[in-house]
Amino acid sequence: LYREFGDPAYLDFSKRVAARLLAKA
């Protein structure tokens, strides 16, 4: 969605998800 629409809020949420992923690894 970030690449499609350019809304940085979508990239921020993707990074929140990635942070959770790394914490669960």
PDBML (XML) file of the C-alpha atoms, coordinates in Angstrom:
<?xml version="1.0" encoding="UTF-8" ?>
<PDBx:datablock datablockName="MODEL"
   xmlns:PDBx="http://pdbml.pdb.org/schema/pdbx-v50.xsd"
   xmlns:xsi="http://www.w3.org/2001/XMLSchema-instance"
   xsi:schemaLocation="http://pdbml.pdb.org/schema/pdbx-v50.xsd pdbx-v50.xsd">
   <PDBx:atom_siteCategory>
      <PDBx:atom_site id="1">
         <PDBx:B_iso_or_equiv>0.00</PDBx:B_iso_or_equiv>
         <PDBx:Cartn_x>0.000</PDBx:Cartn_x>
         <PDBx:Cartn_y>0.000</PDBx:Cartn_y>
         <PDBx:Cartn_z>0.000</PDBx:Cartn_z>
         <PDBx:auth_asym_id>A</PDBx:auth_asym_id>
         <PDBx:auth_atom_id>CA</PDBx:auth_atom_id>
         <PDBx:auth_comp_id>LEU</PDBx:auth_comp_id>
         <PDBx:auth_seq_id>1</PDBx:auth_seq_id>
         <PDBx:group_PDB>ATOM</PDBx:group_PDB>
         <PDBx:label_alt_id xsi:nil="true" />
         <PDBx:label_asym_id>A</PDBx:label_asym_id>
         <PDBx:label_atom_id>CA</PDBx:label_atom_id>
         <PDBx:label_comp_id>LEU</PDBx:label_comp_id>
         <PDBx:label_entity_id>1</PDBx:label_entity_id>
         <PDBx:label_seq_id>1</PDBx:label_seq_id>
         <PDBx:occupancy>1.00</PDBx:occupancy>
         <PDBx:pdbx_PDB_model_num>1</PDBx:pdbx_PDB_model_num>
         <PDBx:type_symbol>C</PDBx:type_symbol>
      </PDBx:atom_site>
      <PDBx:atom_site id="2">
         <PDBx:B_iso_or_equiv>0.00</PDBx:B_iso_or_equiv>
         <PDBx:Cartn_x>2.856</PDBx:Cartn_x>
         <PDBx:Cartn_y>2.373</PDBx:Cartn_y>
         <PDBx:Cartn_z>0.759</PDBx:Cartn_z>
         <PDBx:auth_asym_id>A</PDBx:auth_asym_id>
         <PDBx:auth_atom_id>CA</PDBx:auth_atom_id>
         <PDBx:auth_comp_id>TYR</PDBx:auth_comp_id>
         <PDBx:auth_seq_id>2</PDBx:auth_seq_id>
         <PDBx:group_PDB>ATOM</PDBx:group_PDB>
         <PDBx:label_alt_id xsi:nil="true" />
         <PDBx:label_asym_id>A</PDBx:label_asym_id>
         <PDBx:label_atom_id>CA</PDBx:label_atom_id>
         <PDBx:label_comp_id>TYR</PDBx:label_comp_id>
         <PDBx:label_entity_id>1</PDBx:label_entity_id>
         <PDBx:label_seq_id>2</PDBx:label_seq_id>
         <PDBx:occupancy>1.00</PDBx:occupancy>
         <PDBx:pdbx_PDB_model_num>1</PDBx:pdbx_PDB_model_num>
         <PDBx:type_symbol>C</PDBx:type_symbol>
      </PDBx:atom_site>
      <PDBx:atom_site id="3">
         <PDBx:B_iso_or_equiv>0.00</PDBx:B_iso_or_equiv>
         <PDBx:Cartn_x>4.456</PDBx:Cartn_x>
         <PDBx:Cartn_y>1.681</PDBx:Cartn_y>
         <PDBx:Cartn_z>-2.620</PDBx:Cartn_z>
         <PDBx:auth_asym_id>A</PDBx:auth_asym_id>
         <PDBx:auth_atom_id>CA</PDBx:auth_atom_id>
         <PDBx:auth_comp_id>ARG</PDBx:auth_comp_id>
         <PDBx:auth_seq_id>3</PDBx:auth_seq_id>
         <PDBx:group_PDB>ATOM</PDBx:group_PDB>
         <PDBx:label_alt_id xsi:nil="true" />
         <PDBx:label_asym_id>A</PDBx:label_asym_id>
         <PDBx:label_atom_id>CA</PDBx:label_atom_id>
         <PDBx:label_comp_id>ARG</PDBx:label_comp_id>
         <PDBx:label_entity_id>1</PDBx:label_entity_id>
         <PDBx:label_seq_id>3</PDBx:label_seq_id>
         <PDBx:occupancy>1.00</PDBx:occupancy>
         <PDBx:pdbx_PDB_model_num>1</PDBx:pdbx_PDB_model_num>
         <PDBx:type_symbol>C</PDBx:type_symbol>
      </PDBx:atom_site>
      <PDBx:atom_site id="4">
         <PDBx:B_iso_or_equiv>0.00</PDBx:B_iso_or_equiv>
         <PDBx:Cartn_x>1.067</PDBx:Cartn_x>
         <PDBx:Cartn_y>2.067</PDBx:Cartn_y>
         <PDBx:Cartn_z>-4.323</PDBx:Cartn_z>
         <PDBx:auth_asym_id>A</PDBx:auth_asym_id>
         <PDBx:auth_atom_id>CA</PDBx:auth_atom_id>
         <PDBx:auth_comp_id>GLU</PDBx:auth_comp_id>
         <PDBx:auth_seq_id>4</PDBx:auth_seq_id>
         <PDBx:group_PDB>ATOM</PDBx:group_PDB>
         <PDBx:label_alt_id xsi:nil="true" />
         <PDBx:label_asym_id>A</PDBx:label_asym_id>
         <PDBx:label_atom_id>CA</PDBx:label_atom_id>
         <PDBx:label_comp_id>GLU</PDBx:label_comp_id>
         <PDBx:label_entity_id>1</PDBx:label_entity_id>
         <PDBx:label_seq_id>4</PDBx:label_seq_id>
         <PDBx:occupancy>1.00</PDBx:occupancy>
         <PDBx:pdbx_PDB_model_num>1</PDBx:pdbx_PDB_model_num>
         <PDBx:type_symbol>C</PDBx:type_symbol>
      </PDBx:atom_site>
      <PDBx:atom_site id="5">
         <PDBx:B_iso_or_equiv>0.00</PDBx:B_iso_or_equiv>
         <PDBx:Cartn_x>-0.245</PDBx:Cartn_x>
         <PDBx:Cartn_y>5.213</PDBx:Cartn_y>
         <PDBx:Cartn_z>-2.587</PDBx:Cartn_z>
         <PDBx:auth_asym_id>A</PDBx:auth_asym_id>
         <PDBx:auth_atom_id>CA</PDBx:auth_atom_id>
         <PDBx:auth_comp_id>PHE</PDBx:auth_comp_id>
         <PDBx:auth_seq_id>5</PDBx:auth_seq_id>
         <PDBx:group_PDB>ATOM</PDBx:group_PDB>
         <PDBx:label_alt_id xsi:nil="true" />
         <PDBx:label_asym_id>A</PDBx:label_asym_id>
         <PDBx:label_atom_id>CA</PDBx:label_atom_id>
         <PDBx:label_comp_id>PHE</PDBx:label_comp_id>
         <PDBx:label_entity_id>1</PDBx:label_entity_id>
         <PDBx:label_seq_id>5</PDBx:label_seq_id>
         <PDBx:occupancy>1.00</PDBx:occupancy>
         <PDBx:pdbx_PDB_model_num>1</PDBx:pdbx_PDB_model_num>
         <PDBx:type_symbol>C</PDBx:type_symbol>
      </PDBx:atom_site>
      <PDBx:atom_site id="6">
         <PDBx:B_iso_or_equiv>0.00</PDBx:B_iso_or_equiv>
         <PDBx:Cartn_x>2.838</PDBx:Cartn_x>
         <PDBx:Cartn_y>6.792</PDBx:Cartn_y>
         <PDBx:Cartn_z>-1.018</PDBx:Cartn_z>
         <PDBx:auth_asym_id>A</PDBx:auth_asym_id>
         <PDBx:auth_atom_id>CA</PDBx:auth_atom_id>
         <PDBx:auth_comp_id>GLY</PDBx:auth_comp_id>
         <PDBx:auth_seq_id>6</PDBx:auth_seq_id>
         <PDBx:group_PDB>ATOM</PDBx:group_PDB>
         <PDBx:label_alt_id xsi:nil="true" />
         <PDBx:label_asym_id>A</PDBx:label_asym_id>
         <PDBx:label_atom_id>CA</PDBx:label_atom_id>
         <PDBx:label_comp_id>GLY</PDBx:label_comp_id>
         <PDBx:label_entity_id>1</PDBx:label_entity_id>
         <PDBx:label_seq_id>6</PDBx:label_seq_id>
         <PDBx:occupancy>1.00</PDBx:occupancy>
         <PDBx:pdbx_PDB_model_num>1</PDBx:pdbx_PDB_model_num>
         <PDBx:type_symbol>C</PDBx:type_symbol>
      </PDBx:atom_site>
      <PDBx:atom_site id="7">
         <PDBx:B_iso_or_equiv>0.00</PDBx:B_iso_or_equiv>
         <PDBx:Cartn_x>1.222</PDBx:Cartn_x>
         <PDBx:Cartn_y>7.236</PDBx:Cartn_y>
         <PDBx:Cartn_z>2.402</PDBx:Cartn_z>
         <PDBx:auth_asym_id>A</PDBx:auth_asym_id>
         <PDBx:auth_atom_id>CA</PDBx:auth_atom_id>
         <PDBx:auth_comp_id>ASP</PDBx:auth_comp_id>
         <PDBx:auth_seq_id>7</PDBx:auth_seq_id>
         <PDBx:group_PDB>ATOM</PDBx:group_PDB>
         <PDBx:label_alt_id xsi:nil="true" />
         <PDBx:label_asym_id>A</PDBx:label_asym_id>
         <PDBx:label_atom_id>CA</PDBx:label_atom_id>
         <PDBx:label_comp_id>ASP</PDBx:label_comp_id>
         <PDBx:label_entity_id>1</PDBx:label_entity_id>
         <PDBx:label_seq_id>7</PDBx:label_seq_id>
         <PDBx:occupancy>1.00</PDBx:occupancy>
         <PDBx:pdbx_PDB_model_num>1</PDBx:pdbx_PDB_model_num>
         <PDBx:type_symbol>C</PDBx:type_symbol>
      </PDBx:atom_site>
      <PDBx:atom_site id="8">
         <PDBx:B_iso_or_equiv>0.00</PDBx:B_iso_or_equiv>
         <PDBx:Cartn_x>4.003</PDBx:Cartn_x>
         <PDBx:Cartn_y>7.045</PDBx:Cartn_y>
         <PDBx:Cartn_z>5.024</PDBx:Cartn_z>
         <PDBx:auth_asym_id>A</PDBx:auth_asym_id>
         <PDBx:auth_atom_id>CA</PDBx:auth_atom_id>
         <PDBx:auth_comp_id>PRO</PDBx:auth_comp_id>
         <PDBx:auth_seq_id>8</PDBx:auth_seq_id>
         <PDBx:group_PDB>ATOM</PDBx:group_PDB>
         <PDBx:label_alt_id xsi:nil="true" />
         <PDBx:label_asym_id>A</PDBx:label_asym_id>
         <PDBx:label_atom_id>CA</PDBx:label_atom_id>
         <PDBx:label_comp_id>PRO</PDBx:label_comp_id>
         <PDBx:label_entity_id>1</PDBx:label_entity_id>
         <PDBx:label_seq_id>8</PDBx:label_seq_id>
         <PDBx:occupancy>1.00</PDBx:occupancy>
         <PDBx:pdbx_PDB_model_num>1</PDBx:pdbx_PDB_model_num>
         <PDBx:type_symbol>C</PDBx:type_symbol>
      </PDBx:atom_site>
      <PDBx:atom_site id="9">
         <PDBx:B_iso_or_equiv>0.00</PDBx:B_iso_or_equiv>
         <PDBx:Cartn_x>1.484</PDBx:Cartn_x>
         <PDBx:Cartn_y>5.864</PDBx:Cartn_y>
         <PDBx:Cartn_z>7.633</PDBx:Cartn_z>
         <PDBx:auth_asym_id>A</PDBx:auth_asym_id>
         <PDBx:auth_atom_id>CA</PDBx:auth_atom_id>
         <PDBx:auth_comp_id>ALA</PDBx:auth_comp_id>
         <PDBx:auth_seq_id>9</PDBx:auth_seq_id>
         <PDBx:group_PDB>ATOM</PDBx:group_PDB>
         <PDBx:label_alt_id xsi:nil="true" />
         <PDBx:label_asym_id>A</PDBx:label_asym_id>
         <PDBx:label_atom_id>CA</PDBx:label_atom_id>
         <PDBx:label_comp_id>ALA</PDBx:label_comp_id>
         <PDBx:label_entity_id>1</PDBx:label_entity_id>
         <PDBx:label_seq_id>9</PDBx:label_seq_id>
         <PDBx:occupancy>1.00</PDBx:occupancy>
         <PDBx:pdbx_PDB_model_num>1</PDBx:pdbx_PDB_model_num>
         <PDBx:type_symbol>C</PDBx:type_symbol>
      </PDBx:atom_site>
      <PDBx:atom_site id="10">
         <PDBx:B_iso_or_equiv>0.00</PDBx:B_iso_or_equiv>
         <PDBx:Cartn_x>1.295</PDBx:Cartn_x>
         <PDBx:Cartn_y>2.565</PDBx:Cartn_y>
         <PDBx:Cartn_z>5.769</PDBx:Cartn_z>
         <PDBx:auth_asym_id>A</PDBx:auth_asym_id>
         <PDBx:auth_atom_id>CA</PDBx:auth_atom_id>
         <PDBx:auth_comp_id>TYR</PDBx:auth_comp_id>
         <PDBx:auth_seq_id>10</PDBx:auth_seq_id>
         <PDBx:group_PDB>ATOM</PDBx:group_PDB>
         <PDBx:label_alt_id xsi:nil="true" />
         <PDBx:label_asym_id>A</PDBx:label_asym_id>
         <PDBx:label_atom_id>CA</PDBx:label_atom_id>
         <PDBx:label_comp_id>TYR</PDBx:label_comp_id>
         <PDBx:label_entity_id>1</PDBx:label_entity_id>
         <PDBx:label_seq_id>10</PDBx:label_seq_id>
         <PDBx:occupancy>1.00</PDBx:occupancy>
         <PDBx:pdbx_PDB_model_num>1</PDBx:pdbx_PDB_model_num>
         <PDBx:type_symbol>C</PDBx:type_symbol>
      </PDBx:atom_site>
      <PDBx:atom_site id="11">
         <PDBx:B_iso_or_equiv>0.00</PDBx:B_iso_or_equiv>
         <PDBx:Cartn_x>5.071</PDBx:Cartn_x>
         <PDBx:Cartn_y>2.170</PDBx:Cartn_y>
         <PDBx:Cartn_z>5.840</PDBx:Cartn_z>
         <PDBx:auth_asym_id>A</PDBx:auth_asym_id>
         <PDBx:auth_atom_id>CA</PDBx:auth_atom_id>
         <PDBx:auth_comp_id>LEU</PDBx:auth_comp_id>
         <PDBx:auth_seq_id>11</PDBx:auth_seq_id>
         <PDBx:group_PDB>ATOM</PDBx:group_PDB>
         <PDBx:label_alt_id xsi:nil="true" />
         <PDBx:label_asym_id>A</PDBx:label_asym_id>
         <PDBx:label_atom_id>CA</PDBx:label_atom_id>
         <PDBx:label_comp_id>LEU</PDBx:label_comp_id>
         <PDBx:label_entity_id>1</PDBx:label_entity_id>
         <PDBx:label_seq_id>11</PDBx:label_seq_id>
         <PDBx:occupancy>1.00</PDBx:occupancy>
         <PDBx:pdbx_PDB_model_num>1</PDBx:pdbx_PDB_model_num>
         <PDBx:type_symbol>C</PDBx:type_symbol>
      </PDBx:atom_site>
      <PDBx:atom_site id="12">
         <PDBx:B_iso_or_equiv>0.00</PDBx:B_iso_or_equiv>
         <PDBx:Cartn_x>5.093</PDBx:Cartn_x>
         <PDBx:Cartn_y>2.992</PDBx:Cartn_y>
         <PDBx:Cartn_z>9.544</PDBx:Cartn_z>
         <PDBx:auth_asym_id>A</PDBx:auth_asym_id>
         <PDBx:auth_atom_id>CA</PDBx:auth_atom_id>
         <PDBx:auth_comp_id>ASP</PDBx:auth_comp_id>
         <PDBx:auth_seq_id>12</PDBx:auth_seq_id>
         <PDBx:group_PDB>ATOM</PDBx:group_PDB>
         <PDBx:label_alt_id xsi:nil="true" />
         <PDBx:label_asym_id>A</PDBx:label_asym_id>
         <PDBx:label_atom_id>CA</PDBx:label_atom_id>
         <PDBx:label_comp_id>ASP</PDBx:label_comp_id>
         <PDBx:label_entity_id>1</PDBx:label_entity_id>
         <PDBx:label_seq_id>12</PDBx:label_seq_id>
         <PDBx:occupancy>1.00</PDBx:occupancy>
         <PDBx:pdbx_PDB_model_num>1</PDBx:pdbx_PDB_model_num>
         <PDBx:type_symbol>C</PDBx:type_symbol>
      </PDBx:atom_site>
      <PDBx:atom_site id="13">
         <PDBx:B_iso_or_equiv>0.00</PDBx:B_iso_or_equiv>
         <PDBx:Cartn_x>2.557</PDBx:Cartn_x>
         <PDBx:Cartn_y>0.243</PDBx:Cartn_y>
         <PDBx:Cartn_z>10.202</PDBx:Cartn_z>
         <PDBx:auth_asym_id>A</PDBx:auth_asym_id>
         <PDBx:auth_atom_id>CA</PDBx:auth_atom_id>
         <PDBx:auth_comp_id>PHE</PDBx:auth_comp_id>
         <PDBx:auth_seq_id>13</PDBx:auth_seq_id>
         <PDBx:group_PDB>ATOM</PDBx:group_PDB>
         <PDBx:label_alt_id xsi:nil="true" />
         <PDBx:label_asym_id>A</PDBx:label_asym_id>
         <PDBx:label_atom_id>CA</PDBx:label_atom_id>
         <PDBx:label_comp_id>PHE</PDBx:label_comp_id>
         <PDBx:label_entity_id>1</PDBx:label_entity_id>
         <PDBx:label_seq_id>13</PDBx:label_seq_id>
         <PDBx:occupancy>1.00</PDBx:occupancy>
         <PDBx:pdbx_PDB_model_num>1</PDBx:pdbx_PDB_model_num>
         <PDBx:type_symbol>C</PDBx:type_symbol>
      </PDBx:atom_site>
      <PDBx:atom_site id="14">
         <PDBx:B_iso_or_equiv>0.00</PDBx:B_iso_or_equiv>
         <PDBx:Cartn_x>4.545</PDBx:Cartn_x>
         <PDBx:Cartn_y>-2.232</PDBx:Cartn_y>
         <PDBx:Cartn_z>8.132</PDBx:Cartn_z>
         <PDBx:auth_asym_id>A</PDBx:auth_asym_id>
         <PDBx:auth_atom_id>CA</PDBx:auth_atom_id>
         <PDBx:auth_comp_id>SER</PDBx:auth_comp_id>
         <PDBx:auth_seq_id>14</PDBx:auth_seq_id>
         <PDBx:group_PDB>ATOM</PDBx:group_PDB>
         <PDBx:label_alt_id xsi:nil="true" />
         <PDBx:label_asym_id>A</PDBx:label_asym_id>
         <PDBx:label_atom_id>CA</PDBx:label_atom_id>
         <PDBx:label_comp_id>SER</PDBx:label_comp_id>
         <PDBx:label_entity_id>1</PDBx:label_entity_id>
         <PDBx:label_seq_id>14</PDBx:label_seq_id>
         <PDBx:occupancy>1.00</PDBx:occupancy>
         <PDBx:pdbx_PDB_model_num>1</PDBx:pdbx_PDB_model_num>
         <PDBx:type_symbol>C</PDBx:type_symbol>
      </PDBx:atom_site>
      <PDBx:atom_site id="15">
         <PDBx:B_iso_or_equiv>0.00</PDBx:B_iso_or_equiv>
         <PDBx:Cartn_x>7.570</PDBx:Cartn_x>
         <PDBx:Cartn_y>-1.434</PDBx:Cartn_y>
         <PDBx:Cartn_z>10.289</PDBx:Cartn_z>
         <PDBx:auth_asym_id>A</PDBx:auth_asym_id>
         <PDBx:auth_atom_id>CA</PDBx:auth_atom_id>
         <PDBx:auth_comp_id>LYS</PDBx:auth_comp_id>
         <PDBx:auth_seq_id>15</PDBx:auth_seq_id>
         <PDBx:group_PDB>ATOM</PDBx:group_PDB>
         <PDBx:label_alt_id xsi:nil="true" />
         <PDBx:label_asym_id>A</PDBx:label_asym_id>
         <PDBx:label_atom_id>CA</PDBx:label_atom_id>
         <PDBx:label_comp_id>LYS</PDBx:label_comp_id>
         <PDBx:label_entity_id>1</PDBx:label_entity_id>
         <PDBx:label_seq_id>15</PDBx:label_seq_id>
         <PDBx:occupancy>1.00</PDBx:occupancy>
         <PDBx:pdbx_PDB_model_num>1</PDBx:pdbx_PDB_model_num>
         <PDBx:type_symbol>C</PDBx:type_symbol>
      </PDBx:atom_site>
      <PDBx:atom_site id="16">
         <PDBx:B_iso_or_equiv>0.00</PDBx:B_iso_or_equiv>
         <PDBx:Cartn_x>5.494</PDBx:Cartn_x>
         <PDBx:Cartn_y>-1.970</PDBx:Cartn_y>
         <PDBx:Cartn_z>13.438</PDBx:Cartn_z>
         <PDBx:auth_asym_id>A</PDBx:auth_asym_id>
         <PDBx:auth_atom_id>CA</PDBx:auth_atom_id>
         <PDBx:auth_comp_id>ARG</PDBx:auth_comp_id>
         <PDBx:auth_seq_id>16</PDBx:auth_seq_id>
         <PDBx:group_PDB>ATOM</PDBx:group_PDB>
         <PDBx:label_alt_id xsi:nil="true" />
         <PDBx:label_asym_id>A</PDBx:label_asym_id>
         <PDBx:label_atom_id>CA</PDBx:label_atom_id>
         <PDBx:label_comp_id>ARG</PDBx:label_comp_id>
         <PDBx:label_entity_id>1</PDBx:label_entity_id>
         <PDBx:label_seq_id>16</PDBx:label_seq_id>
         <PDBx:occupancy>1.00</PDBx:occupancy>
         <PDBx:pdbx_PDB_model_num>1</PDBx:pdbx_PDB_model_num>
         <PDBx:type_symbol>C</PDBx:type_symbol>
      </PDBx:atom_site>
      <PDBx:atom_site id="17">
         <PDBx:B_iso_or_equiv>0.00</PDBx:B_iso_or_equiv>
         <PDBx:Cartn_x>4.603</PDBx:Cartn_x>
         <PDBx:Cartn_y>-5.402</PDBx:Cartn_y>
         <PDBx:Cartn_z>12.118</PDBx:Cartn_z>
         <PDBx:auth_asym_id>A</PDBx:auth_asym_id>
         <PDBx:auth_atom_id>CA</PDBx:auth_atom_id>
         <PDBx:auth_comp_id>VAL</PDBx:auth_comp_id>
         <PDBx:auth_seq_id>17</PDBx:auth_seq_id>
         <PDBx:group_PDB>ATOM</PDBx:group_PDB>
         <PDBx:label_alt_id xsi:nil="true" />
         <PDBx:label_asym_id>A</PDBx:label_asym_id>
         <PDBx:label_atom_id>CA</PDBx:label_atom_id>
         <PDBx:label_comp_id>VAL</PDBx:label_comp_id>
         <PDBx:label_entity_id>1</PDBx:label_entity_id>
         <PDBx:label_seq_id>17</PDBx:label_seq_id>
         <PDBx:occupancy>1.00</PDBx:occupancy>
         <PDBx:pdbx_PDB_model_num>1</PDBx:pdbx_PDB_model_num>
         <PDBx:type_symbol>C</PDBx:type_symbol>
      </PDBx:atom_site>
      <PDBx:atom_site id="18">
         <PDBx:B_iso_or_equiv>0.00</PDBx:B_iso_or_equiv>
         <PDBx:Cartn_x>8.264</PDBx:Cartn_x>
         <PDBx:Cartn_y>-6.089</PDBx:Cartn_y>
         <PDBx:Cartn_z>11.328</PDBx:Cartn_z>
         <PDBx:auth_asym_id>A</PDBx:auth_asym_id>
         <PDBx:auth_atom_id>CA</PDBx:auth_atom_id>
         <PDBx:auth_comp_id>ALA</PDBx:auth_comp_id>
         <PDBx:auth_seq_id>18</PDBx:auth_seq_id>
         <PDBx:group_PDB>ATOM</PDBx:group_PDB>
         <PDBx:label_alt_id xsi:nil="true" />
         <PDBx:label_asym_id>A</PDBx:label_asym_id>
         <PDBx:label_atom_id>CA</PDBx:label_atom_id>
         <PDBx:label_comp_id>ALA</PDBx:label_comp_id>
         <PDBx:label_entity_id>1</PDBx:label_entity_id>
         <PDBx:label_seq_id>18</PDBx:label_seq_id>
         <PDBx:occupancy>1.00</PDBx:occupancy>
         <PDBx:pdbx_PDB_model_num>1</PDBx:pdbx_PDB_model_num>
         <PDBx:type_symbol>C</PDBx:type_symbol>
      </PDBx:atom_site>
      <PDBx:atom_site id="19">
         <PDBx:B_iso_or_equiv>0.00</PDBx:B_iso_or_equiv>
         <PDBx:Cartn_x>9.245</PDBx:Cartn_x>
         <PDBx:Cartn_y>-5.071</PDBx:Cartn_y>
         <PDBx:Cartn_z>14.857</PDBx:Cartn_z>
         <PDBx:auth_asym_id>A</PDBx:auth_asym_id>
         <PDBx:auth_atom_id>CA</PDBx:auth_atom_id>
         <PDBx:auth_comp_id>ALA</PDBx:auth_comp_id>
         <PDBx:auth_seq_id>19</PDBx:auth_seq_id>
         <PDBx:group_PDB>ATOM</PDBx:group_PDB>
         <PDBx:label_alt_id xsi:nil="true" />
         <PDBx:label_asym_id>A</PDBx:label_asym_id>
         <PDBx:label_atom_id>CA</PDBx:label_atom_id>
         <PDBx:label_comp_id>ALA</PDBx:label_comp_id>
         <PDBx:label_entity_id>1</PDBx:label_entity_id>
         <PDBx:label_seq_id>19</PDBx:label_seq_id>
         <PDBx:occupancy>1.00</PDBx:occupancy>
         <PDBx:pdbx_PDB_model_num>1</PDBx:pdbx_PDB_model_num>
         <PDBx:type_symbol>C</PDBx:type_symbol>
      </PDBx:atom_site>
      <PDBx:atom_site id="20">
         <PDBx:B_iso_or_equiv>0.00</PDBx:B_iso_or_equiv>
         <PDBx:Cartn_x>6.768</PDBx:Cartn_x>
         <PDBx:Cartn_y>-7.580</PDBx:Cartn_y>
         <PDBx:Cartn_z>16.222</PDBx:Cartn_z>
         <PDBx:auth_asym_id>A</PDBx:auth_asym_id>
         <PDBx:auth_atom_id>CA</PDBx:auth_atom_id>
         <PDBx:auth_comp_id>ARG</PDBx:auth_comp_id>
         <PDBx:auth_seq_id>20</PDBx:auth_seq_id>
         <PDBx:group_PDB>ATOM</PDBx:group_PDB>
         <PDBx:label_alt_id xsi:nil="true" />
         <PDBx:label_asym_id>A</PDBx:label_asym_id>
         <PDBx:label_atom_id>CA</PDBx:label_atom_id>
         <PDBx:label_comp_id>ARG</PDBx:label_comp_id>
         <PDBx:label_entity_id>1</PDBx:label_entity_id>
         <PDBx:label_seq_id>20</PDBx:label_seq_id>
         <PDBx:occupancy>1.00</PDBx:occupancy>
         <PDBx:pdbx_PDB_model_num>1</PDBx:pdbx_PDB_model_num>
         <PDBx:type_symbol>C</PDBx:type_symbol>
      </PDBx:atom_site>
      <PDBx:atom_site id="21">
         <PDBx:B_iso_or_equiv>0.00</PDBx:B_iso_or_equiv>
         <PDBx:Cartn_x>8.141</PDBx:Cartn_x>
         <PDBx:Cartn_y>-10.221</PDBx:Cartn_y>
         <PDBx:Cartn_z>13.857</PDBx:Cartn_z>
         <PDBx:auth_asym_id>A</PDBx:auth_asym_id>
         <PDBx:auth_atom_id>CA</PDBx:auth_atom_id>
         <PDBx:auth_comp_id>LEU</PDBx:auth_comp_id>
         <PDBx:auth_seq_id>21</PDBx:auth_seq_id>
         <PDBx:group_PDB>ATOM</PDBx:group_PDB>
         <PDBx:label_alt_id xsi:nil="true" />
         <PDBx:label_asym_id>A</PDBx:label_asym_id>
         <PDBx:label_atom_id>CA</PDBx:label_atom_id>
         <PDBx:label_comp_id>LEU</PDBx:label_comp_id>
         <PDBx:label_entity_id>1</PDBx:label_entity_id>
         <PDBx:label_seq_id>21</PDBx:label_seq_id>
         <PDBx:occupancy>1.00</PDBx:occupancy>
         <PDBx:pdbx_PDB_model_num>1</PDBx:pdbx_PDB_model_num>
         <PDBx:type_symbol>C</PDBx:type_symbol>
      </PDBx:atom_site>
      <PDBx:atom_site id="22">
         <PDBx:B_iso_or_equiv>0.00</PDBx:B_iso_or_equiv>
         <PDBx:Cartn_x>11.704</PDBx:Cartn_x>
         <PDBx:Cartn_y>-9.628</PDBx:Cartn_y>
         <PDBx:Cartn_z>14.996</PDBx:Cartn_z>
         <PDBx:auth_asym_id>A</PDBx:auth_asym_id>
         <PDBx:auth_atom_id>CA</PDBx:auth_atom_id>
         <PDBx:auth_comp_id>LEU</PDBx:auth_comp_id>
         <PDBx:auth_seq_id>22</PDBx:auth_seq_id>
         <PDBx:group_PDB>ATOM</PDBx:group_PDB>
         <PDBx:label_alt_id xsi:nil="true" />
         <PDBx:label_asym_id>A</PDBx:label_asym_id>
         <PDBx:label_atom_id>CA</PDBx:label_atom_id>
         <PDBx:label_comp_id>LEU</PDBx:label_comp_id>
         <PDBx:label_entity_id>1</PDBx:label_entity_id>
         <PDBx:label_seq_id>22</PDBx:label_seq_id>
         <PDBx:occupancy>1.00</PDBx:occupancy>
         <PDBx:pdbx_PDB_model_num>1</PDBx:pdbx_PDB_model_num>
         <PDBx:type_symbol>C</PDBx:type_symbol>
      </PDBx:atom_site>
      <PDBx:atom_site id="23">
         <PDBx:B_iso_or_equiv>0.00</PDBx:B_iso_or_equiv>
         <PDBx:Cartn_x>10.630</PDBx:Cartn_x>
         <PDBx:Cartn_y>-9.696</PDBx:Cartn_y>
         <PDBx:Cartn_z>18.642</PDBx:Cartn_z>
         <PDBx:auth_asym_id>A</PDBx:auth_asym_id>
         <PDBx:auth_atom_id>CA</PDBx:auth_atom_id>
         <PDBx:auth_comp_id>ALA</PDBx:auth_comp_id>
         <PDBx:auth_seq_id>23</PDBx:auth_seq_id>
         <PDBx:group_PDB>ATOM</PDBx:group_PDB>
         <PDBx:label_alt_id xsi:nil="true" />
         <PDBx:label_asym_id>A</PDBx:label_asym_id>
         <PDBx:label_atom_id>CA</PDBx:label_atom_id>
         <PDBx:label_comp_id>ALA</PDBx:label_comp_id>
         <PDBx:label_entity_id>1</PDBx:label_entity_id>
         <PDBx:label_seq_id>23</PDBx:label_seq_id>
         <PDBx:occupancy>1.00</PDBx:occupancy>
         <PDBx:pdbx_PDB_model_num>1</PDBx:pdbx_PDB_model_num>
         <PDBx:type_symbol>C</PDBx:type_symbol>
      </PDBx:atom_site>
      <PDBx:atom_site id="24">
         <PDBx:B_iso_or_equiv>0.00</PDBx:B_iso_or_equiv>
         <PDBx:Cartn_x>8.963</PDBx:Cartn_x>
         <PDBx:Cartn_y>-13.093</PDBx:Cartn_y>
         <PDBx:Cartn_z>18.137</PDBx:Cartn_z>
         <PDBx:auth_asym_id>A</PDBx:auth_asym_id>
         <PDBx:auth_atom_id>CA</PDBx:auth_atom_id>
         <PDBx:auth_comp_id>LYS</PDBx:auth_comp_id>
         <PDBx:auth_seq_id>24</PDBx:auth_seq_id>
         <PDBx:group_PDB>ATOM</PDBx:group_PDB>
         <PDBx:label_alt_id xsi:nil="true" />
         <PDBx:label_asym_id>A</PDBx:label_asym_id>
         <PDBx:label_atom_id>CA</PDBx:label_atom_id>
         <PDBx:label_comp_id>LYS</PDBx:label_comp_id>
         <PDBx:label_entity_id>1</PDBx:label_entity_id>
         <PDBx:label_seq_id>24</PDBx:label_seq_id>
         <PDBx:occupancy>1.00</PDBx:occupancy>
         <PDBx:pdbx_PDB_model_num>1</PDBx:pdbx_PDB_model_num>
         <PDBx:type_symbol>C</PDBx:type_symbol>
      </PDBx:atom_site>
      <PDBx:atom_site id="25">
         <PDBx:B_iso_or_equiv>0.00</PDBx:B_iso_or_equiv>
         <PDBx:Cartn_x>11.922</PDBx:Cartn_x>
         <PDBx:Cartn_y>-14.630</PDBx:Cartn_y>
         <PDBx:Cartn_z>16.308</PDBx:Cartn_z>
         <PDBx:auth_asym_id>A</PDBx:auth_asym_id>
         <PDBx:auth_atom_id>CA</PDBx:auth_atom_id>
         <PDBx:auth_comp_id>ALA</PDBx:auth_comp_id>
         <PDBx:auth_seq_id>25</PDBx:auth_seq_id>
         <PDBx:group_PDB>ATOM</PDBx:group_PDB>
         <PDBx:label_alt_id xsi:nil="true" />
         <PDBx:label_asym_id>A</PDBx:label_asym_id>
         <PDBx:label_atom_id>CA</PDBx:label_atom_id>
         <PDBx:label_comp_id>ALA</PDBx:label_comp_id>
         <PDBx:label_entity_id>1</PDBx:label_entity_id>
         <PDBx:label_seq_id>25</PDBx:label_seq_id>
         <PDBx:occupancy>1.00</PDBx:occupancy>
         <PDBx:pdbx_PDB_model_num>1</PDBx:pdbx_PDB_model_num>
         <PDBx:type_symbol>C</PDBx:type_symbol>
      </PDBx:atom_site>
   </PDBx:atom_siteCategory>
</PDBx:datablock>
